Amino acid sequence: MKIQLALDRMTLSEAKSIVEEVHDYIDIIEVGTSLIKDYGKKSIQFIRSEFKDKVILADIKTCDEGEYEFKAAYEAGADIATVMGNSPIETIKICYEVSKKYKKHIMIDLMETDDSKIETIKTYEDAILFVHLPKDSENKSLIDMFQSKKQLYKDINRLAVGGGINEKIIVDIEVINPEIVVVGSLITKSKNAAYTAKRICEKLQSGR
């Protein structure tokens, strides 16, 4: 399992410092939606220039204008860009085609996406599908949300999970066995980010 570090609600300088601290324990750097809204494409360009050895995800949450937004993200340095699963299927198709053209990756965020739409989205077998507990719903459980639709999610080829990740549920993630675990404030708000990131790595590897 890969760890994706979500960088949100911070300055670019703070983002750089956190990544430097946890560099050895993460696989993907997510330039979060709030960072992109605050700094625009500069945020993607900055993280790319500072961390050339890491995979960079731009969480642009595209809902329309798929070609323009995905091209902009990839040209700014992103390896992965995100589109919302509840956006028009035409938009998802365009984003997927752009990802192929640029030889990059696409993540489709399944937040508030109905089951029949997810079945259609699953036909994009090399896309990363993100089962996402919304920030505003983090009083709920990611594990419970996943288990309630286990049959729907079980045959997803490339699965990412995130939202409300804490140390208590990290060990339960092993049951889901995703390709990517998205972790944000558990690391970024920790008093010792490196120690926390290391513990997450160890727990994901050991299942304890």
N, C-alpha and C. Protein backbone atom coordinates (compact mmCIF):
# COMPACT_ATOMS: atom_id res chain seq x y z
N MET A 1 0.84 -1.20 0.00
CA MET A 1 0.00 0.00 0.00
C MET A 1 0.87 1.25 0.00
N LYS A 2 0.45 2.22 -0.81
CA LYS A 2 1.17 3.48 -0.88
C LYS A 2 0.49 4.52 -0.02
N ILE A 3 1.30 5.41 0.55
CA ILE A 3 0.75 6.50 1.35
C ILE A 3 0.77 7.78 0.53
N GLN A 4 -0.41 8.39 0.42
CA GLN A 4 -0.55 9.68 -0.24
C GLN A 4 -0.76 10.74 0.83
N LEU A 5 0.13 11.72 0.88
CA LEU A 5 0.03 12.78 1.88
C LEU A 5 -0.73 13.96 1.29
N ALA A 6 -1.87 14.29 1.90
CA ALA A 6 -2.70 15.40 1.43
C ALA A 6 -2.27 16.70 2.12
N LEU A 7 -1.90 17.68 1.32
CA LEU A 7 -1.47 18.98 1.83
C LEU A 7 -2.59 19.99 1.61
N ASP A 8 -3.21 20.41 2.69
CA ASP A 8 -4.35 21.34 2.62
C ASP A 8 -4.26 22.37 3.74
N ARG A 9 -4.86 23.52 3.48
CA ARG A 9 -5.01 24.58 4.48
C ARG A 9 -3.68 24.95 5.13
N MET A 10 -2.71 25.28 4.28
CA MET A 10 -1.38 25.69 4.75
C MET A 10 -0.72 26.53 3.68
N THR A 11 0.41 27.13 4.02
CA THR A 11 1.17 27.88 3.02
C THR A 11 2.07 26.92 2.24
N LEU A 12 2.61 27.40 1.13
CA LEU A 12 3.54 26.58 0.35
C LEU A 12 4.80 26.28 1.16
N SER A 13 5.23 27.24 1.95
CA SER A 13 6.41 27.03 2.79
C SER A 13 6.16 25.94 3.82
N GLU A 14 4.97 25.96 4.43
CA GLU A 14 4.62 24.92 5.40
C GLU A 14 4.52 23.56 4.73
N ALA A 15 3.97 23.55 3.52
CA ALA A 15 3.84 22.29 2.77
C ALA A 15 5.22 21.70 2.50
N LYS A 16 6.13 22.53 2.07
CA LYS A 16 7.50 22.07 1.80
C LYS A 16 8.14 21.49 3.06
N SER A 17 7.99 22.17 4.17
CA SER A 17 8.60 21.72 5.43
C SER A 17 8.07 20.37 5.87
N ILE A 18 6.75 20.19 5.75
CA ILE A 18 6.15 18.92 6.16
C ILE A 18 6.62 17.78 5.28
N VAL A 19 6.65 18.01 3.96
CA VAL A 19 7.10 16.95 3.05
C VAL A 19 8.55 16.59 3.32
N GLU A 20 9.38 17.59 3.56
CA GLU A 20 10.79 17.31 3.87
C GLU A 20 10.91 16.44 5.12
N GLU A 21 10.04 16.68 6.08
CA GLU A 21 10.09 15.93 7.34
C GLU A 21 9.67 14.47 7.17
N VAL A 22 8.69 14.23 6.30
CA VAL A 22 8.13 12.87 6.17
C VAL A 22 8.52 12.19 4.86
N HIS A 23 9.42 12.79 4.13
CA HIS A 23 9.77 12.38 2.77
C HIS A 23 9.96 10.87 2.61
N ASP A 24 10.65 10.26 3.55
CA ASP A 24 11.01 8.84 3.43
C ASP A 24 9.84 7.90 3.69
N TYR A 25 8.72 8.43 4.18
CA TYR A 25 7.61 7.57 4.58
C TYR A 25 6.37 7.71 3.69
N ILE A 26 6.44 8.55 2.67
CA ILE A 26 5.29 8.76 1.79
C ILE A 26 5.68 8.44 0.35
N ASP A 27 4.67 8.13 -0.44
CA ASP A 27 4.89 7.77 -1.84
C ASP A 27 4.36 8.82 -2.81
N ILE A 28 3.24 9.44 -2.44
CA ILE A 28 2.57 10.40 -3.31
C ILE A 28 2.34 11.68 -2.53
N ILE A 29 2.64 12.81 -3.16
CA ILE A 29 2.36 14.11 -2.55
C ILE A 29 1.11 14.68 -3.22
N GLU A 30 0.08 14.89 -2.43
CA GLU A 30 -1.14 15.50 -2.95
C GLU A 30 -1.12 17.00 -2.73
N VAL A 31 -1.13 17.74 -3.83
CA VAL A 31 -1.33 19.18 -3.75
C VAL A 31 -2.84 19.36 -3.60
N GLY A 32 -3.26 19.65 -2.37
CA GLY A 32 -4.68 19.64 -2.03
C GLY A 32 -5.48 20.73 -2.70
N THR A 33 -6.79 20.54 -2.71
CA THR A 33 -7.69 21.49 -3.37
C THR A 33 -7.54 22.89 -2.80
N SER A 34 -7.43 23.00 -1.48
CA SER A 34 -7.32 24.33 -0.87
C SER A 34 -6.01 25.01 -1.26
N LEU A 35 -4.94 24.23 -1.38
CA LEU A 35 -3.65 24.78 -1.79
C LEU A 35 -3.73 25.31 -3.23
N ILE A 36 -4.41 24.56 -4.09
CA ILE A 36 -4.57 24.99 -5.48
C ILE A 36 -5.47 26.21 -5.57
N LYS A 37 -6.50 26.26 -4.75
CA LYS A 37 -7.38 27.44 -4.75
C LYS A 37 -6.66 28.68 -4.24
N ASP A 38 -5.78 28.49 -3.28
CA ASP A 38 -5.04 29.62 -2.71
C ASP A 38 -3.93 30.11 -3.63
N TYR A 39 -3.24 29.18 -4.30
CA TYR A 39 -2.03 29.54 -5.05
C TYR A 39 -2.09 29.22 -6.55
N GLY A 40 -3.17 28.59 -6.99
CA GLY A 40 -3.29 28.26 -8.41
C GLY A 40 -2.27 27.23 -8.85
N LYS A 41 -1.96 27.24 -10.16
CA LYS A 41 -1.02 26.27 -10.72
C LYS A 41 0.36 26.38 -10.09
N LYS A 42 0.66 27.54 -9.53
CA LYS A 42 1.96 27.74 -8.88
C LYS A 42 2.20 26.69 -7.79
N SER A 43 1.13 26.28 -7.11
CA SER A 43 1.28 25.29 -6.03
C SER A 43 1.78 23.96 -6.58
N ILE A 44 1.24 23.55 -7.72
CA ILE A 44 1.68 22.29 -8.35
C ILE A 44 3.12 22.43 -8.83
N GLN A 45 3.40 23.54 -9.49
CA GLN A 45 4.75 23.78 -10.03
C GLN A 45 5.79 23.82 -8.91
N PHE A 46 5.42 24.43 -7.79
CA PHE A 46 6.34 24.56 -6.67
C PHE A 46 6.67 23.19 -6.06
N ILE A 47 5.64 22.40 -5.78
CA ILE A 47 5.86 21.08 -5.19
C ILE A 47 6.63 20.19 -6.16
N ARG A 48 6.31 20.27 -7.44
CA ARG A 48 7.04 19.48 -8.44
C ARG A 48 8.52 19.85 -8.46
N SER A 49 8.82 21.14 -8.42
CA SER A 49 10.22 21.58 -8.49
C SER A 49 11.00 21.21 -7.23
N GLU A 50 10.32 21.15 -6.10
CA GLU A 50 10.99 20.84 -4.84
C GLU A 50 11.17 19.34 -4.62
N PHE A 51 10.28 18.54 -5.19
CA PHE A 51 10.31 17.09 -4.92
C PHE A 51 10.19 16.31 -6.24
N LYS A 52 11.26 16.36 -6.99
CA LYS A 52 11.28 15.74 -8.33
C LYS A 52 11.21 14.22 -8.28
N ASP A 53 11.54 13.64 -7.12
CA ASP A 53 11.57 12.17 -7.01
C ASP A 53 10.24 11.57 -6.59
N LYS A 54 9.25 12.41 -6.30
CA LYS A 54 7.97 11.89 -5.81
C LYS A 54 6.87 12.00 -6.86
N VAL A 55 5.88 11.13 -6.73
CA VAL A 55 4.68 11.23 -7.55
C VAL A 55 3.84 12.38 -7.01
N ILE A 56 3.38 13.25 -7.92
CA ILE A 56 2.60 14.42 -7.52
C ILE A 56 1.16 14.27 -8.01
N LEU A 57 0.21 14.42 -7.09
CA LEU A 57 -1.20 14.41 -7.43
C LEU A 57 -1.78 15.80 -7.25
N ALA A 58 -2.48 16.29 -8.26
CA ALA A 58 -3.17 17.58 -8.16
C ALA A 58 -4.65 17.30 -7.92
N ASP A 59 -5.12 17.66 -6.74
CA ASP A 59 -6.52 17.39 -6.39
C ASP A 59 -7.39 18.54 -6.89
N ILE A 60 -7.57 18.60 -8.21
CA ILE A 60 -8.30 19.71 -8.83
C ILE A 60 -9.81 19.50 -8.80
N LYS A 61 -10.26 18.26 -8.52
CA LYS A 61 -11.69 17.96 -8.39
C LYS A 61 -12.50 18.49 -9.59
N THR A 62 -12.05 18.16 -10.77
CA THR A 62 -12.72 18.63 -11.98
C THR A 62 -14.16 18.14 -12.05
N CYS A 63 -15.07 19.05 -12.42
CA CYS A 63 -16.49 18.72 -12.63
C CYS A 63 -16.94 19.05 -14.05
N ASP A 64 -16.17 19.91 -14.72
CA ASP A 64 -16.47 20.34 -16.08
C ASP A 64 -15.15 20.87 -16.66
N GLU A 65 -15.15 21.25 -17.93
CA GLU A 65 -13.92 21.76 -18.56
C GLU A 65 -12.77 20.78 -18.39
N GLY A 66 -13.07 19.49 -18.59
CA GLY A 66 -12.09 18.44 -18.31
C GLY A 66 -10.80 18.57 -19.08
N GLU A 67 -10.88 18.86 -20.36
CA GLU A 67 -9.67 18.94 -21.17
C GLU A 67 -8.76 20.07 -20.70
N TYR A 68 -9.34 21.24 -20.49
CA TYR A 68 -8.55 22.41 -20.06
C TYR A 68 -7.90 22.16 -18.70
N GLU A 69 -8.68 21.69 -17.75
CA GLU A 69 -8.17 21.54 -16.38
C GLU A 69 -7.13 20.43 -16.27
N PHE A 70 -7.36 19.31 -16.93
CA PHE A 70 -6.39 18.22 -16.86
C PHE A 70 -5.09 18.57 -17.58
N LYS A 71 -5.19 19.22 -18.73
CA LYS A 71 -3.98 19.67 -19.42
C LYS A 71 -3.18 20.61 -18.53
N ALA A 72 -3.87 21.55 -17.90
CA ALA A 72 -3.20 22.53 -17.03
C ALA A 72 -2.49 21.84 -15.87
N ALA A 73 -3.14 20.84 -15.27
CA ALA A 73 -2.54 20.13 -14.14
C ALA A 73 -1.31 19.35 -14.57
N TYR A 74 -1.41 18.62 -15.66
CA TYR A 74 -0.27 17.82 -16.14
C TYR A 74 0.89 18.71 -16.58
N GLU A 75 0.58 19.79 -17.26
CA GLU A 75 1.64 20.69 -17.73
C GLU A 75 2.31 21.44 -16.59
N ALA A 76 1.60 21.55 -15.46
CA ALA A 76 2.20 22.18 -14.27
C ALA A 76 3.09 21.21 -13.50
N GLY A 77 3.01 19.91 -13.86
CA GLY A 77 3.90 18.94 -13.22
C GLY A 77 3.23 17.79 -12.51
N ALA A 78 1.90 17.73 -12.55
CA ALA A 78 1.19 16.64 -11.87
C ALA A 78 1.34 15.32 -12.63
N ASP A 79 1.48 14.25 -11.87
CA ASP A 79 1.48 12.89 -12.44
C ASP A 79 0.07 12.30 -12.43
N ILE A 80 -0.74 12.77 -11.49
CA ILE A 80 -2.12 12.31 -11.33
C ILE A 80 -3.00 13.55 -11.15
N ALA A 81 -4.17 13.55 -11.78
CA ALA A 81 -5.15 14.62 -11.57
C ALA A 81 -6.49 13.98 -11.22
N THR A 82 -7.35 14.74 -10.54
CA THR A 82 -8.61 14.18 -10.06
C THR A 82 -9.82 14.78 -10.76
N VAL A 83 -10.80 13.92 -10.99
CA VAL A 83 -12.10 14.33 -11.51
C VAL A 83 -13.16 13.73 -10.60
N MET A 84 -14.25 14.45 -10.41
CA MET A 84 -15.31 13.97 -9.54
C MET A 84 -16.18 12.95 -10.26
N GLY A 85 -16.48 11.86 -9.57
CA GLY A 85 -17.31 10.81 -10.16
C GLY A 85 -18.73 11.25 -10.42
N ASN A 86 -19.20 12.29 -9.71
CA ASN A 86 -20.56 12.77 -9.92
C ASN A 86 -20.66 13.83 -11.02
N SER A 87 -19.56 14.07 -11.72
CA SER A 87 -19.58 14.98 -12.86
C SER A 87 -20.14 14.24 -14.08
N PRO A 88 -20.47 14.94 -15.16
CA PRO A 88 -21.00 14.26 -16.35
C PRO A 88 -20.05 13.18 -16.86
N ILE A 89 -20.61 12.08 -17.31
CA ILE A 89 -19.77 10.98 -17.80
C ILE A 89 -18.91 11.44 -18.98
N GLU A 90 -19.42 12.42 -19.74
CA GLU A 90 -18.63 12.97 -20.85
C GLU A 90 -17.36 13.64 -20.33
N THR A 91 -17.48 14.33 -19.21
CA THR A 91 -16.32 14.99 -18.61
C THR A 91 -15.30 13.97 -18.14
N ILE A 92 -15.77 12.92 -17.50
CA ILE A 92 -14.86 11.85 -17.04
C ILE A 92 -14.14 11.22 -18.23
N LYS A 93 -14.88 10.98 -19.29
CA LYS A 93 -14.29 10.39 -20.50
C LYS A 93 -13.21 11.29 -21.07
N ILE A 94 -13.48 12.59 -21.14
CA ILE A 94 -12.50 13.54 -21.67
C ILE A 94 -11.25 13.56 -20.79
N CYS A 95 -11.45 13.60 -19.47
CA CYS A 95 -10.30 13.59 -18.54
C CYS A 95 -9.47 12.33 -18.73
N TYR A 96 -10.14 11.21 -18.88
CA TYR A 96 -9.45 9.94 -19.09
C TYR A 96 -8.63 9.99 -20.38
N GLU A 97 -9.21 10.52 -21.44
CA GLU A 97 -8.51 10.61 -22.72
C GLU A 97 -7.30 11.53 -22.63
N VAL A 98 -7.43 12.63 -21.90
CA VAL A 98 -6.29 13.54 -21.72
C VAL A 98 -5.19 12.84 -20.94
N SER A 99 -5.57 12.08 -19.92
CA SER A 99 -4.55 11.36 -19.13
C SER A 99 -3.77 10.39 -20.01
N LYS A 100 -4.45 9.75 -20.94
CA LYS A 100 -3.79 8.83 -21.87
C LYS A 100 -2.86 9.59 -22.81
N LYS A 101 -3.33 10.72 -23.31
CA LYS A 101 -2.53 11.52 -24.23
C LYS A 101 -1.23 11.96 -23.59
N TYR A 102 -1.30 12.34 -22.30
CA TYR A 102 -0.11 12.83 -21.59
C TYR A 102 0.67 11.69 -20.92
N LYS A 103 0.14 10.46 -21.04
CA LYS A 103 0.76 9.29 -20.40
C LYS A 103 0.87 9.50 -18.89
N LYS A 104 -0.21 10.02 -18.32
CA LYS A 104 -0.30 10.28 -16.89
C LYS A 104 -1.43 9.43 -16.30
N HIS A 105 -1.75 9.69 -15.03
CA HIS A 105 -2.77 8.91 -14.34
C HIS A 105 -3.96 9.78 -13.98
N ILE A 106 -5.10 9.12 -13.80
CA ILE A 106 -6.33 9.81 -13.41
C ILE A 106 -6.89 9.15 -12.15
N MET A 107 -7.34 9.99 -11.22
CA MET A 107 -8.06 9.50 -10.04
C MET A 107 -9.48 10.02 -10.12
N ILE A 108 -10.45 9.12 -9.98
CA ILE A 108 -11.86 9.50 -10.01
C ILE A 108 -12.40 9.42 -8.58
N ASP A 109 -12.78 10.58 -8.04
CA ASP A 109 -13.28 10.69 -6.67
C ASP A 109 -14.75 10.29 -6.64
N LEU A 110 -15.07 9.23 -5.90
CA LEU A 110 -16.42 8.67 -5.90
C LEU A 110 -17.35 9.32 -4.87
N MET A 111 -16.94 10.41 -4.26
CA MET A 111 -17.79 11.09 -3.29
C MET A 111 -19.13 11.49 -3.92
N GLU A 112 -20.22 11.08 -3.26
CA GLU A 112 -21.58 11.40 -3.71
C GLU A 112 -21.86 10.92 -5.14
N THR A 113 -21.25 9.80 -5.51
CA THR A 113 -21.51 9.20 -6.83
C THR A 113 -22.44 8.01 -6.65
N ASP A 114 -23.54 7.96 -7.42
CA ASP A 114 -24.50 6.87 -7.22
C ASP A 114 -23.96 5.55 -7.75
N ASP A 115 -24.56 4.48 -7.27
CA ASP A 115 -24.04 3.14 -7.54
C ASP A 115 -23.99 2.80 -9.03
N SER A 116 -25.02 3.18 -9.77
CA SER A 116 -25.04 2.85 -11.20
C SER A 116 -23.94 3.59 -11.94
N LYS A 117 -23.65 4.81 -11.52
CA LYS A 117 -22.57 5.59 -12.13
C LYS A 117 -21.23 4.94 -11.81
N ILE A 118 -21.07 4.46 -10.59
CA ILE A 118 -19.82 3.79 -10.20
C ILE A 118 -19.60 2.55 -11.06
N GLU A 119 -20.66 1.81 -11.35
CA GLU A 119 -20.52 0.62 -12.21
C GLU A 119 -19.98 1.02 -13.58
N THR A 120 -20.43 2.15 -14.11
CA THR A 120 -19.91 2.64 -15.39
C THR A 120 -18.46 3.06 -15.26
N ILE A 121 -18.15 3.78 -14.20
CA ILE A 121 -16.79 4.28 -13.98
C ILE A 121 -15.80 3.13 -13.83
N LYS A 122 -16.25 2.03 -13.25
CA LYS A 122 -15.37 0.87 -13.05
C LYS A 122 -14.84 0.29 -14.36
N THR A 123 -15.48 0.64 -15.48
CA THR A 123 -14.99 0.14 -16.77
C THR A 123 -13.66 0.79 -17.16
N TYR A 124 -13.33 1.91 -16.52
CA TYR A 124 -12.01 2.52 -16.72
C TYR A 124 -11.03 1.80 -15.79
N GLU A 125 -10.59 0.64 -16.20
CA GLU A 125 -9.89 -0.28 -15.29
C GLU A 125 -8.55 0.24 -14.80
N ASP A 126 -7.88 1.09 -15.57
CA ASP A 126 -6.58 1.60 -15.12
C ASP A 126 -6.69 2.94 -14.41
N ALA A 127 -7.91 3.44 -14.24
CA ALA A 127 -8.11 4.65 -13.43
C ALA A 127 -8.07 4.28 -11.95
N ILE A 128 -7.61 5.21 -11.12
CA ILE A 128 -7.64 5.02 -9.67
C ILE A 128 -8.99 5.53 -9.18
N LEU A 129 -9.75 4.68 -8.50
CA LEU A 129 -11.05 5.08 -7.97
C LEU A 129 -10.91 5.33 -6.47
N PHE A 130 -11.33 6.51 -6.06
CA PHE A 130 -11.10 6.99 -4.70
C PHE A 130 -12.39 6.95 -3.89
N VAL A 131 -12.45 6.03 -2.93
CA VAL A 131 -13.56 5.97 -1.98
C VAL A 131 -13.24 6.95 -0.86
N HIS A 132 -14.04 8.00 -0.77
CA HIS A 132 -13.65 9.22 -0.07
C HIS A 132 -14.72 9.62 0.94
N LEU A 133 -14.37 9.59 2.22
CA LEU A 133 -15.24 10.13 3.25
C LEU A 133 -15.05 11.64 3.27
N PRO A 134 -16.10 12.44 3.01
CA PRO A 134 -15.93 13.89 2.94
C PRO A 134 -15.43 14.49 4.25
N LYS A 135 -14.69 15.58 4.14
CA LYS A 135 -14.17 16.29 5.31
C LYS A 135 -15.30 16.67 6.27
N ASP A 136 -16.44 17.09 5.71
CA ASP A 136 -17.56 17.52 6.54
C ASP A 136 -18.33 16.36 7.16
N SER A 137 -17.92 15.13 6.85
CA SER A 137 -18.59 13.93 7.40
C SER A 137 -17.65 13.07 8.22
N GLU A 138 -16.56 13.67 8.70
CA GLU A 138 -15.53 12.87 9.36
C GLU A 138 -15.92 12.38 10.76
N ASN A 139 -17.13 12.71 11.20
CA ASN A 139 -17.64 12.10 12.43
C ASN A 139 -18.15 10.69 12.15
N LYS A 140 -18.22 10.34 10.86
CA LYS A 140 -18.61 8.99 10.45
C LYS A 140 -17.36 8.15 10.26
N SER A 141 -17.53 6.89 9.88
CA SER A 141 -16.40 5.98 9.75
C SER A 141 -16.16 5.60 8.29
N LEU A 142 -14.93 5.78 7.84
CA LEU A 142 -14.55 5.36 6.49
C LEU A 142 -14.75 3.86 6.31
N ILE A 143 -14.36 3.10 7.33
CA ILE A 143 -14.48 1.64 7.25
C ILE A 143 -15.94 1.23 7.12
N ASP A 144 -16.82 1.82 7.94
CA ASP A 144 -18.25 1.50 7.86
C ASP A 144 -18.82 1.87 6.50
N MET A 145 -18.41 3.03 5.99
CA MET A 145 -18.89 3.48 4.69
C MET A 145 -18.47 2.49 3.60
N PHE A 146 -17.22 2.03 3.68
CA PHE A 146 -16.72 1.07 2.68
C PHE A 146 -17.47 -0.25 2.79
N GLN A 147 -17.60 -0.75 4.01
CA GLN A 147 -18.23 -2.05 4.21
C GLN A 147 -19.69 -2.05 3.76
N SER A 148 -20.36 -0.90 3.87
CA SER A 148 -21.77 -0.83 3.47
C SER A 148 -21.95 -1.01 1.96
N LYS A 149 -20.87 -0.80 1.21
CA LYS A 149 -20.92 -0.98 -0.25
C LYS A 149 -19.80 -1.90 -0.72
N LYS A 150 -19.48 -2.85 0.13
CA LYS A 150 -18.36 -3.75 -0.15
C LYS A 150 -18.51 -4.47 -1.49
N GLN A 151 -19.71 -4.93 -1.79
CA GLN A 151 -19.93 -5.65 -3.05
C GLN A 151 -19.68 -4.77 -4.26
N LEU A 152 -20.03 -3.50 -4.13
CA LEU A 152 -19.83 -2.55 -5.23
C LEU A 152 -18.35 -2.26 -5.45
N TYR A 153 -17.59 -2.18 -4.35
CA TYR A 153 -16.19 -1.77 -4.43
C TYR A 153 -15.21 -2.93 -4.62
N LYS A 154 -15.66 -4.16 -4.39
CA LYS A 154 -14.73 -5.28 -4.25
C LYS A 154 -13.90 -5.55 -5.51
N ASP A 155 -14.45 -5.26 -6.69
CA ASP A 155 -13.71 -5.58 -7.91
C ASP A 155 -13.09 -4.36 -8.58
N ILE A 156 -12.92 -3.28 -7.82
CA ILE A 156 -12.20 -2.11 -8.34
C ILE A 156 -10.74 -2.49 -8.51
N ASN A 157 -10.21 -2.25 -9.66
CA ASN A 157 -8.84 -2.67 -9.98
C ASN A 157 -7.79 -1.85 -9.24
N ARG A 158 -7.97 -0.51 -9.24
CA ARG A 158 -7.02 0.38 -8.55
C ARG A 158 -7.82 1.23 -7.56
N LEU A 159 -7.68 0.92 -6.29
CA LEU A 159 -8.51 1.52 -5.26
C LEU A 159 -7.69 2.42 -4.34
N ALA A 160 -8.23 3.61 -4.07
CA ALA A 160 -7.67 4.50 -3.06
C ALA A 160 -8.75 4.78 -2.03
N VAL A 161 -8.36 4.93 -0.76
CA VAL A 161 -9.32 5.27 0.29
C VAL A 161 -8.75 6.42 1.12
N GLY A 162 -9.66 7.22 1.66
CA GLY A 162 -9.20 8.33 2.50
C GLY A 162 -10.36 9.08 3.11
N GLY A 163 -10.03 9.95 4.05
CA GLY A 163 -11.03 10.73 4.75
C GLY A 163 -11.22 10.20 6.16
N GLY A 164 -10.91 11.03 7.14
CA GLY A 164 -11.09 10.60 8.53
C GLY A 164 -10.13 9.52 8.98
N ILE A 165 -8.98 9.42 8.31
CA ILE A 165 -7.99 8.40 8.69
C ILE A 165 -7.35 8.77 10.03
N ASN A 166 -7.42 7.85 10.98
CA ASN A 166 -6.73 8.04 12.25
C ASN A 166 -6.00 6.75 12.60
N GLU A 167 -5.17 6.81 13.63
CA GLU A 167 -4.34 5.64 13.97
C GLU A 167 -5.19 4.43 14.36
N LYS A 168 -6.37 4.68 14.91
CA LYS A 168 -7.22 3.58 15.36
C LYS A 168 -7.73 2.73 14.20
N ILE A 169 -8.01 3.37 13.06
CA ILE A 169 -8.56 2.60 11.94
C ILE A 169 -7.51 2.20 10.91
N ILE A 170 -6.28 2.66 11.08
CA ILE A 170 -5.23 2.31 10.12
C ILE A 170 -5.11 0.80 9.96
N VAL A 171 -5.16 0.07 11.07
CA VAL A 171 -5.00 -1.39 10.98
C VAL A 171 -6.16 -2.05 10.25
N ASP A 172 -7.35 -1.42 10.29
CA ASP A 172 -8.51 -1.98 9.60
C ASP A 172 -8.44 -1.78 8.10
N ILE A 173 -7.58 -0.86 7.67
CA ILE A 173 -7.42 -0.59 6.24
C ILE A 173 -6.93 -1.85 5.51
N GLU A 174 -6.18 -2.69 6.22
CA GLU A 174 -5.62 -3.89 5.61
C GLU A 174 -6.73 -4.79 5.04
N VAL A 175 -7.89 -4.79 5.67
CA VAL A 175 -9.01 -5.60 5.20
C VAL A 175 -9.48 -5.11 3.83
N ILE A 176 -9.43 -3.80 3.63
CA ILE A 176 -9.83 -3.21 2.35
C ILE A 176 -8.77 -3.46 1.29
N ASN A 177 -7.50 -3.41 1.72
CA ASN A 177 -6.35 -3.65 0.84
C ASN A 177 -6.33 -2.73 -0.39
N PRO A 178 -6.33 -1.41 -0.17
CA PRO A 178 -6.28 -0.50 -1.31
C PRO A 178 -4.87 -0.35 -1.86
N GLU A 179 -4.77 0.18 -3.04
CA GLU A 179 -3.46 0.52 -3.60
C GLU A 179 -2.88 1.75 -2.90
N ILE A 180 -3.78 2.70 -2.56
CA ILE A 180 -3.35 3.97 -1.98
C ILE A 180 -4.19 4.30 -0.75
N VAL A 181 -3.53 4.75 0.30
CA VAL A 181 -4.20 5.28 1.49
C VAL A 181 -3.88 6.77 1.56
N VAL A 182 -4.93 7.59 1.55
CA VAL A 182 -4.75 9.04 1.58
C VAL A 182 -4.83 9.52 3.03
N VAL A 183 -3.77 10.15 3.49
CA VAL A 183 -3.70 10.63 4.87
C VAL A 183 -3.38 12.12 4.86
N GLY A 184 -4.12 12.88 5.65
CA GLY A 184 -3.90 14.32 5.70
C GLY A 184 -3.52 14.80 7.08
N SER A 185 -4.52 15.29 7.81
CA SER A 185 -4.26 15.97 9.08
C SER A 185 -3.64 15.07 10.15
N LEU A 186 -3.84 13.76 10.05
CA LEU A 186 -3.19 12.86 11.01
C LEU A 186 -1.68 13.09 11.00
N ILE A 187 -1.12 13.36 9.84
CA ILE A 187 0.31 13.66 9.71
C ILE A 187 0.57 15.15 9.80
N THR A 188 -0.16 15.94 9.02
CA THR A 188 0.18 17.37 8.90
C THR A 188 -0.05 18.16 10.18
N LYS A 189 -0.96 17.68 11.05
CA LYS A 189 -1.22 18.37 12.31
C LYS A 189 -0.53 17.72 13.50
N SER A 190 0.26 16.70 13.22
CA SER A 190 0.99 16.01 14.29
C SER A 190 2.14 16.88 14.80
N LYS A 191 2.42 16.78 16.09
CA LYS A 191 3.56 17.50 16.66
C LYS A 191 4.87 16.93 16.17
N ASN A 192 4.84 15.67 15.78
CA ASN A 192 6.04 15.01 15.22
C ASN A 192 5.60 14.26 13.97
N ALA A 193 5.58 14.98 12.85
CA ALA A 193 5.04 14.42 11.60
C ALA A 193 5.82 13.20 11.14
N ALA A 194 7.14 13.22 11.26
CA ALA A 194 7.96 12.10 10.81
C ALA A 194 7.65 10.84 11.62
N TYR A 195 7.52 10.99 12.93
CA TYR A 195 7.22 9.85 13.79
C TYR A 195 5.85 9.27 13.44
N THR A 196 4.87 10.15 13.24
CA THR A 196 3.52 9.69 12.91
C THR A 196 3.50 8.98 11.56
N ALA A 197 4.17 9.55 10.57
CA ALA A 197 4.22 8.94 9.25
C ALA A 197 4.90 7.57 9.30
N LYS A 198 5.96 7.47 10.09
CA LYS A 198 6.67 6.21 10.24
C LYS A 198 5.77 5.15 10.88
N ARG A 199 5.02 5.55 11.90
CA ARG A 199 4.10 4.62 12.57
C ARG A 199 3.01 4.13 11.61
N ILE A 200 2.51 5.03 10.77
CA ILE A 200 1.49 4.64 9.79
C ILE A 200 2.06 3.61 8.83
N CYS A 201 3.27 3.86 8.35
CA CYS A 201 3.95 2.90 7.46
C CYS A 201 4.05 1.53 8.12
N GLU A 202 4.51 1.53 9.35
CA GLU A 202 4.70 0.27 10.07
C GLU A 202 3.39 -0.46 10.28
N LYS A 203 2.33 0.28 10.63
CA LYS A 203 1.03 -0.35 10.87
C LYS A 203 0.44 -0.92 9.58
N LEU A 204 0.59 -0.19 8.48
CA LEU A 204 0.07 -0.68 7.21
C LEU A 204 0.81 -1.94 6.75
N GLN A 205 2.09 -1.99 7.06
CA GLN A 205 2.90 -3.14 6.65
C GLN A 205 2.66 -4.35 7.54
N SER A 206 2.43 -4.09 8.83
CA SER A 206 2.31 -5.20 9.78
C SER A 206 0.88 -5.65 10.01
N GLY A 207 -0.07 -4.72 9.77
CA GLY A 207 -1.47 -5.05 10.06
C GLY A 207 -1.76 -5.11 11.54
N ARG A 208 -0.93 -4.43 12.33
CA ARG A 208 -1.13 -4.44 13.79
C ARG A 208 -1.28 -3.01 14.30
